[in-house]
C-alpha atoms as a PDB file:
ATOM      1  CA  UNK A   1     113.904  77.851  61.052  1.00  0.00           C
ATOM      2  CA  UNK A   2     113.609  81.369  62.449  1.00  0.00           C
ATOM      3  CA  UNK A   3     112.208  84.017  60.128  1.00  0.00           C
ATOM      4  CA  UNK A   4     112.124  87.736  60.907  1.00  0.00           C
ATOM      5  CA  UNK A   5     109.705  90.291  59.475  1.00  0.00           C
ATOM      6  CA  UNK A   6     110.003  93.969  60.445  1.00  0.00           C
ATOM      7  CA  UNK A   7     106.526  95.368  61.159  1.00  0.00           C
ATOM      8  CA  UNK A   8     105.103  98.863  60.759  1.00  0.00           C
ATOM      9  CA  UNK A   9     101.370  99.458  61.198  1.00  0.00           C
ATOM     10  CA  UNK A  10     100.500  95.812  60.514  1.00  0.00           C
ATOM     11  CA  UNK A  11     102.483  95.744  57.286  1.00  0.00           C
ATOM     12  CA  UNK A  12     105.991  94.704  56.317  1.00  0.00           C
ATOM     13  CA  UNK A  13     108.067  97.747  57.202  1.00  0.00           C
ATOM     14  CA  UNK A  14     109.151  99.602  54.060  1.00  0.00           C
ATOM     15  CA  UNK A  15     112.677 100.188  55.441  1.00  0.00           C
ATOM     16  CA  UNK A  16     114.574  97.990  57.904  1.00  0.00           C
ATOM     17  CA  UNK A  17     117.144 100.650  58.848  1.00  0.00           C
ATOM     18  CA  UNK A  18     114.819 102.594  61.171  1.00  0.00           C
ATOM     19  CA  UNK A  19     113.641 101.508  64.630  1.00  0.00           C
ATOM     20  CA  UNK A  20     110.504  99.462  64.949  1.00  0.00           C
ATOM     21  CA  UNK A  21     109.193  96.003  65.739  1.00  0.00           C
ATOM     22  CA  UNK A  22     110.363  92.647  64.477  1.00  0.00           C
ATOM     23  CA  UNK A  23     108.053  89.659  64.194  1.00  0.00           C
ATOM     24  CA  UNK A  24     110.051  86.477  64.812  1.00  0.00           C
ATOM     25  CA  UNK A  25     108.491  83.282  63.472  1.00  0.00           C
ATOM     26  CA  UNK A  26     109.534  79.728  64.235  1.00  0.00           C
ATOM     27  CA  UNK A  27     108.751  77.654  61.135  1.00  0.00           C
ATOM     28  CA  UNK A  28     109.108  73.885  60.812  1.00  0.00           C
ATOM     29  CA  UNK A  29     108.429  72.154  57.482  1.00  0.00           C
ATOM     30  CA  UNK A  30     106.545  75.226  56.252  1.00  0.00           C
ATOM     31  CA  UNK A  31     104.260  75.326  59.305  1.00  0.00           C
ATOM     32  CA  UNK A  32     104.391  78.184  61.797  1.00  0.00           C
ATOM     33  CA  UNK A  33     105.115  76.810  65.262  1.00  0.00           C
ATOM     34  CA  UNK A  34     105.491  80.027  67.259  1.00  0.00           C
ATOM     35  CA  UNK A  35     105.657  83.787  66.908  1.00  0.00           C
ATOM     36  CA  UNK A  36     106.664  86.720  69.063  1.00  0.00           C
ATOM     37  CA  UNK A  37     107.588  90.353  68.578  1.00  0.00           C
ATOM     38  CA  UNK A  38     110.660  92.215  69.761  1.00  0.00           C
ATOM     39  CA  UNK A  39     111.361  95.924  69.731  1.00  0.00           C
ATOM     40  CA  UNK A  40     114.289  97.049  67.600  1.00  0.00           C
ATOM     41  CA  UNK A  41     116.464  99.723  69.166  1.00  0.00           C
ATOM     42  CA  UNK A  42     117.765 102.603  67.100  1.00  0.00           C
ATOM     43  CA  UNK A  43     121.393 102.210  66.237  1.00  0.00           C
ATOM     44  CA  UNK A  44     123.960 102.224  63.541  1.00  0.00           C
ATOM     45  CA  UNK A  45     124.047  99.326  61.048  1.00  0.00           C
ATOM     46  CA  UNK A  46     126.665  97.276  62.918  1.00  0.00           C
ATOM     47  CA  UNK A  47     124.587  97.263  66.114  1.00  0.00           C
ATOM     48  CA  UNK A  48     121.317  96.688  64.242  1.00  0.00           C
ATOM     49  CA  UNK A  49     122.802  93.692  62.387  1.00  0.00           C
ATOM     50  CA  UNK A  50     124.054  92.254  65.697  1.00  0.00           C
ATOM     51  CA  UNK A  51     120.608  92.746  67.271  1.00  0.00           C
ATOM     52  CA  UNK A  52     118.855  91.048  64.345  1.00  0.00           C
ATOM     53  CA  UNK A  53     121.319  88.173  64.104  1.00  0.00           C
ATOM     54  CA  UNK A  54     121.120  87.805  67.883  1.00  0.00           C
ATOM     55  CA  UNK A  55     117.499  86.742  67.429  1.00  0.00           C
ATOM     56  CA  UNK A  56     118.806  83.608  65.702  1.00  0.00           C
ATOM     57  CA  UNK A  57     117.275  84.582  62.355  1.00  0.00           C
ATOM     58  CA  UNK A  58     118.024  82.443  59.349  1.00  0.00           C
ATOM     59  CA  UNK A  59     115.823  84.452  56.978  1.00  0.00           C
ATOM     60  CA  UNK A  60     114.769  88.100  57.023  1.00  0.00           C
ATOM     61  CA  UNK A  61     111.801  89.221  54.926  1.00  0.00           C
ATOM     62  CA  UNK A  62     111.682  92.984  54.418  1.00  0.00           C
ATOM     63  CA  UNK A  63     110.724  95.831  52.137  1.00  0.00           C
ATOM     64  CA  UNK A  64     114.128  97.461  51.767  1.00  0.00           C
ATOM     65  CA  UNK A  65     117.392  97.904  53.616  1.00  0.00           C
ATOM     66  CA  UNK A  66     120.662  99.697  53.069  1.00  0.00           C
ATOM     67  CA  UNK A  67     123.455  97.872  51.289  1.00  0.00           C
ATOM     68  CA  UNK A  68     125.612  98.234  54.403  1.00  0.00           C
ATOM     69  CA  UNK A  69     123.014  96.519  56.605  1.00  0.00           C
ATOM     70  CA  UNK A  70     122.421  93.854  53.949  1.00  0.00           C
ATOM     71  CA  UNK A  71     126.131  93.026  53.799  1.00  0.00           C
ATOM     72  CA  UNK A  72     126.468  92.889  57.579  1.00  0.00           C
ATOM     73  CA  UNK A  73     123.485  90.541  57.906  1.00  0.00           C
ATOM     74  CA  UNK A  74     124.653  88.264  55.088  1.00  0.00           C
ATOM     75  CA  UNK A  75     128.089  88.117  56.746  1.00  0.00           C
ATOM     76  CA  UNK A  76     126.283  86.899  59.890  1.00  0.00           C
ATOM     77  CA  UNK A  77     124.575  84.122  57.920  1.00  0.00           C
ATOM     78  CA  UNK A  78     121.129  85.705  57.523  1.00  0.00           C
ATOM     79  CA  UNK A  79     119.433  85.204  54.141  1.00  0.00           C
ATOM     80  CA  UNK A  80     117.573  88.299  52.910  1.00  0.00           C
ATOM     81  CA  UNK A  81     114.301  88.424  50.976  1.00  0.00           C
ATOM     82  CA  UNK A  82     113.810  92.117  50.201  1.00  0.00           C
ATOM     83  CA  UNK A  83     111.322  93.943  48.010  1.00  0.00           C
ATOM     84  CA  UNK A  84     108.420  92.391  49.919  1.00  0.00           C
ATOM     85  CA  UNK A  85     105.408  94.490  50.826  1.00  0.00           C
ATOM     86  CA  UNK A  86     101.931  93.915  52.155  1.00  0.00           C
ATOM     87  CA  UNK A  87     100.053  92.978  55.296  1.00  0.00           C
ATOM     88  CA  UNK A  88     102.218  90.874  57.605  1.00  0.00           C
ATOM     89  CA  UNK A  89      99.723  88.014  57.914  1.00  0.00           C
ATOM     90  CA  UNK A  90      99.350  87.794  54.125  1.00  0.00           C
ATOM     91  CA  UNK A  91     103.125  87.799  53.626  1.00  0.00           C
ATOM     92  CA  UNK A  92     103.600  85.117  56.275  1.00  0.00           C
ATOM     93  CA  UNK A  93     101.059  82.882  54.538  1.00  0.00           C
END
C-alpha cells in the first residue's frame, strides 16, 4: 500500500493545499518497505489532486485540507486521514 504524508519542517504539514513536500511510504502488512519524498508543485485543487493521485497513493495522512481537495482525492480513490499532527516519524510509527 502507498501512503502519503505531506511534510513541513519535519512535521505533518498543517495544510495540504499549499506547496511543499510529500513523503511517500510503501507499506506491506504494516511494515515500511520503502520511502521517498517528492516536491509538490503549486496549483489549483484539480491539478494538486491529480499530482497526489499520480503518486499511486491509497491513503493520505494530513493535518487539514480544503473540502474541494478532499472531494477530488476521494473521487480518485484516495482514502483521507485528516486531523493528524506531530513529527512525521512518530506519525508513521
